[in-house]
Amino acid sequence: MQATVVNGRIDEQGQVLLPVSLVASDGFEVEVEAHLSLEFDGALAVDEALAHELGWRCLGARRVVLGEQTHLMDHYIGMVALGSDLQNMVVLGGIAKPALIGKRLLSGRKLSLDFVSGKVVLE
């Protein structure tokens, strides 16, 4: 099986952005540019309003460590694709950005950054 390649970018503030597809409960697919955070141990976090718009089922709240702080965040079951790999996963809600990718979603993949050209490749 060939690995899926995802092309992203580095923005003007030096933040790494990757495209992620989120599938709503009615099958509609929304693509958002997700920030990459190696401080986040989870797979994916999204803006709570976006999770509600997608019709994702809320499973309650739990405490999550993000960097050096602990946050109380709702968690949802949602269909997510990073590249062509569509998977059902637990997604956290309650961040101030559309989406945030953590280390768990990157597990087993190779991330290449070119700060000169601003290109990001996830294999």
C-alpha atoms as a PDB file:
ATOM      1  CA  MET A   1       0.000   0.000   0.000  1.00  0.00           C
ATOM      2  CA  GLN A   2       1.408   3.382  -1.014  1.00  0.00           C
ATOM      3  CA  ALA A   3       1.566   6.129   1.618  1.00  0.00           C
ATOM      4  CA  THR A   4      -0.694   9.116   1.118  1.00  0.00           C
ATOM      5  CA  VAL A   5       1.153  12.407   0.621  1.00  0.00           C
ATOM      6  CA  VAL A   6      -0.377  15.555   2.106  1.00  0.00           C
ATOM      7  CA  ASN A   7       0.968  18.953   1.036  1.00  0.00           C
ATOM      8  CA  GLY A   8       0.701  21.832   3.456  1.00  0.00           C
ATOM      9  CA  ARG A   9       2.326  25.185   3.982  1.00  0.00           C
ATOM     10  CA  ILE A  10       4.086  27.398   6.510  1.00  0.00           C
ATOM     11  CA  ASP A  11       2.259  30.679   7.118  1.00  0.00           C
ATOM     12  CA  GLU A  12       3.680  34.162   7.688  1.00  0.00           C
ATOM     13  CA  GLN A  13       3.957  33.517  11.460  1.00  0.00           C
ATOM     14  CA  GLY A  14       5.952  30.309  10.905  1.00  0.00           C
ATOM     15  CA  GLN A  15       3.069  27.994  11.833  1.00  0.00           C
ATOM     16  CA  VAL A  16       2.721  24.671  10.001  1.00  0.00           C
ATOM     17  CA  LEU A  17      -0.678  24.170   8.312  1.00  0.00           C
ATOM     18  CA  LEU A  18      -2.079  20.964   6.787  1.00  0.00           C
ATOM     19  CA  PRO A  19      -5.412  20.381   5.021  1.00  0.00           C
ATOM     20  CA  VAL A  20      -7.822  18.086   6.890  1.00  0.00           C
ATOM     21  CA  SER A  21     -11.206  16.876   5.635  1.00  0.00           C
ATOM     22  CA  LEU A  22     -13.999  16.658   8.199  1.00  0.00           C
ATOM     23  CA  VAL A  23     -17.109  14.660   7.300  1.00  0.00           C
ATOM     24  CA  ALA A  24     -20.432  15.911   8.680  1.00  0.00           C
ATOM     25  CA  SER A  25     -23.076  13.510   9.976  1.00  0.00           C
ATOM     26  CA  ASP A  26     -25.012  13.962   6.697  1.00  0.00           C
ATOM     27  CA  GLY A  27     -21.939  13.032   4.593  1.00  0.00           C
ATOM     28  CA  PHE A  28     -21.025  16.590   3.560  1.00  0.00           C
ATOM     29  CA  GLU A  29     -17.242  17.056   3.559  1.00  0.00           C
ATOM     30  CA  VAL A  30     -15.541  20.233   4.804  1.00  0.00           C
ATOM     31  CA  GLU A  31     -11.836  20.900   4.302  1.00  0.00           C
ATOM     32  CA  VAL A  32     -10.080  23.088   6.867  1.00  0.00           C
ATOM     33  CA  GLU A  33      -6.488  24.160   7.262  1.00  0.00           C
ATOM     34  CA  ALA A  34      -5.307  22.726  10.572  1.00  0.00           C
ATOM     35  CA  HIS A  35      -2.435  24.075  12.642  1.00  0.00           C
ATOM     36  CA  LEU A  36       0.158  21.526  13.700  1.00  0.00           C
ATOM     37  CA  SER A  37       1.088  21.422  17.392  1.00  0.00           C
ATOM     38  CA  LEU A  38       3.695  19.026  18.723  1.00  0.00           C
ATOM     39  CA  GLU A  39       2.645  20.090  22.236  1.00  0.00           C
ATOM     40  CA  PHE A  40      -0.726  18.376  21.715  1.00  0.00           C
ATOM     41  CA  ASP A  41      -0.614  14.607  22.383  1.00  0.00           C
ATOM     42  CA  GLY A  42      -4.069  13.947  20.927  1.00  0.00           C
ATOM     43  CA  ALA A  43      -5.045  13.412  17.307  1.00  0.00           C
ATOM     44  CA  LEU A  44      -7.245  16.394  16.415  1.00  0.00           C
ATOM     45  CA  ALA A  45      -9.060  19.278  18.084  1.00  0.00           C
ATOM     46  CA  VAL A  46     -11.597  21.570  16.403  1.00  0.00           C
ATOM     47  CA  ASP A  47     -13.563  24.696  17.176  1.00  0.00           C
ATOM     48  CA  GLU A  48     -16.645  23.673  19.161  1.00  0.00           C
ATOM     49  CA  ALA A  49     -19.020  25.579  16.876  1.00  0.00           C
ATOM     50  CA  LEU A  50     -17.599  23.683  13.894  1.00  0.00           C
ATOM     51  CA  ALA A  51     -18.153  20.326  15.630  1.00  0.00           C
ATOM     52  CA  HIS A  52     -21.793  21.299  16.270  1.00  0.00           C
ATOM     53  CA  GLU A  53     -22.271  22.425  12.640  1.00  0.00           C
ATOM     54  CA  LEU A  54     -20.928  19.063  11.460  1.00  0.00           C
ATOM     55  CA  GLY A  55     -23.508  17.298  13.618  1.00  0.00           C
ATOM     56  CA  TRP A  56     -20.876  15.273  15.446  1.00  0.00           C
ATOM     57  CA  ARG A  57     -22.023  13.410  18.548  1.00  0.00           C
ATOM     58  CA  CYS A  58     -20.658  14.825  21.814  1.00  0.00           C
ATOM     59  CA  LEU A  59     -19.465  12.162  24.270  1.00  0.00           C
ATOM     60  CA  GLY A  60     -18.954  14.521  27.212  1.00  0.00           C
ATOM     61  CA  ALA A  61     -15.942  16.409  28.505  1.00  0.00           C
ATOM     62  CA  ARG A  62     -12.494  15.464  29.757  1.00  0.00           C
ATOM     63  CA  ARG A  63      -9.304  17.139  30.931  1.00  0.00           C
ATOM     64  CA  VAL A  64      -6.611  17.478  28.261  1.00  0.00           C
ATOM     65  CA  VAL A  65      -3.014  18.659  28.584  1.00  0.00           C
ATOM     66  CA  LEU A  66      -2.061  21.168  25.882  1.00  0.00           C
ATOM     67  CA  GLY A  67       1.488  22.394  26.340  1.00  0.00           C
ATOM     68  CA  GLU A  68       1.875  23.147  30.032  1.00  0.00           C
ATOM     69  CA  GLN A  69      -1.809  23.825  30.708  1.00  0.00           C
ATOM     70  CA  THR A  70      -4.756  21.535  31.403  1.00  0.00           C
ATOM     71  CA  HIS A  71      -8.060  22.339  29.669  1.00  0.00           C
ATOM     72  CA  LEU A  72     -11.559  20.888  30.058  1.00  0.00           C
ATOM     73  CA  MET A  73     -12.681  20.012  26.520  1.00  0.00           C
ATOM     74  CA  ASP A  74     -15.684  18.259  24.997  1.00  0.00           C
ATOM     75  CA  HIS A  75     -14.911  15.250  22.854  1.00  0.00           C
ATOM     76  CA  TYR A  76     -16.768  14.108  19.749  1.00  0.00           C
ATOM     77  CA  ILE A  77     -16.881  11.130  17.421  1.00  0.00           C
ATOM     78  CA  GLY A  78     -16.141  12.302  13.875  1.00  0.00           C
ATOM     79  CA  MET A  79     -14.971  11.104  10.469  1.00  0.00           C
ATOM     80  CA  VAL A  80     -11.650  12.706   9.535  1.00  0.00           C
ATOM     81  CA  ALA A  81      -9.304  12.374   6.563  1.00  0.00           C
ATOM     82  CA  LEU A  82      -5.701  13.516   6.538  1.00  0.00           C
ATOM     83  CA  GLY A  83      -4.905  12.683   2.927  1.00  0.00           C
ATOM     84  CA  SER A  84      -7.082   9.889   1.579  1.00  0.00           C
ATOM     85  CA  ASP A  85      -7.200   7.878   4.824  1.00  0.00           C
ATOM     86  CA  LEU A  86     -10.750   8.385   6.151  1.00  0.00           C
ATOM     87  CA  GLN A  87     -11.080   7.290   9.770  1.00  0.00           C
ATOM     88  CA  ASN A  88     -13.560   7.533  12.604  1.00  0.00           C
ATOM     89  CA  MET A  89     -11.879   9.089  15.647  1.00  0.00           C
ATOM     90  CA  VAL A  90     -12.371  10.963  18.890  1.00  0.00           C
ATOM     91  CA  VAL A  91     -11.936  14.680  18.203  1.00  0.00           C
ATOM     92  CA  LEU A  92     -11.639  17.292  20.940  1.00  0.00           C
ATOM     93  CA  GLY A  93     -13.697  20.486  20.786  1.00  0.00           C
ATOM     94  CA  GLY A  94     -13.149  23.901  22.294  1.00  0.00           C
ATOM     95  CA  ILE A  95     -10.142  25.563  20.686  1.00  0.00           C
ATOM     96  CA  ALA A  96      -9.916  29.048  19.192  1.00  0.00           C
ATOM     97  CA  LYS A  97      -8.723  27.812  15.765  1.00  0.00           C
ATOM     98  CA  PRO A  98     -10.703  25.871  13.147  1.00  0.00           C
ATOM     99  CA  ALA A  99      -8.546  22.755  13.736  1.00  0.00           C
ATOM    100  CA  LEU A 100      -5.379  21.610  15.513  1.00  0.00           C
ATOM    101  CA  ILE A 101      -3.432  18.449  14.596  1.00  0.00           C
ATOM    102  CA  GLY A 102      -1.547  16.676  17.361  1.00  0.00           C
ATOM    103  CA  LYS A 103       1.147  14.019  17.569  1.00  0.00           C
ATOM    104  CA  ARG A 104      -1.271  11.071  17.600  1.00  0.00           C
ATOM    105  CA  LEU A 105      -2.581  11.878  14.083  1.00  0.00           C
ATOM    106  CA  LEU A 106       1.017  12.150  12.797  1.00  0.00           C
ATOM    107  CA  SER A 107       2.092   8.827  14.313  1.00  0.00           C
ATOM    108  CA  GLY A 108       3.882   6.566  11.837  1.00  0.00           C
ATOM    109  CA  ARG A 109       4.232   9.278   9.206  1.00  0.00           C
ATOM    110  CA  LYS A 110       7.148  11.389   7.993  1.00  0.00           C
ATOM    111  CA  LEU A 111       6.862  15.191   8.207  1.00  0.00           C
ATOM    112  CA  SER A 112       9.189  17.357   6.070  1.00  0.00           C
ATOM    113  CA  LEU A 113       9.394  21.142   6.444  1.00  0.00           C
ATOM    114  CA  ASP A 114      11.157  23.560   4.109  1.00  0.00           C
ATOM    115  CA  PHE A 115      11.181  26.969   5.770  1.00  0.00           C
ATOM    116  CA  VAL A 116      12.858  28.625   2.780  1.00  0.00           C
ATOM    117  CA  SER A 117      10.059  27.732   0.340  1.00  0.00           C
ATOM    118  CA  GLY A 118       7.311  27.456   2.964  1.00  0.00           C
ATOM    119  CA  LYS A 119       6.385  23.912   1.851  1.00  0.00           C
ATOM    120  CA  VAL A 120       5.236  21.101   4.121  1.00  0.00           C
ATOM    121  CA  VAL A 121       4.987  17.436   3.086  1.00  0.00           C
ATOM    122  CA  LEU A 122       3.453  14.685   5.225  1.00  0.00           C
ATOM    123  CA  GLU A 123       4.021  11.137   3.990  1.00  0.00           C
END
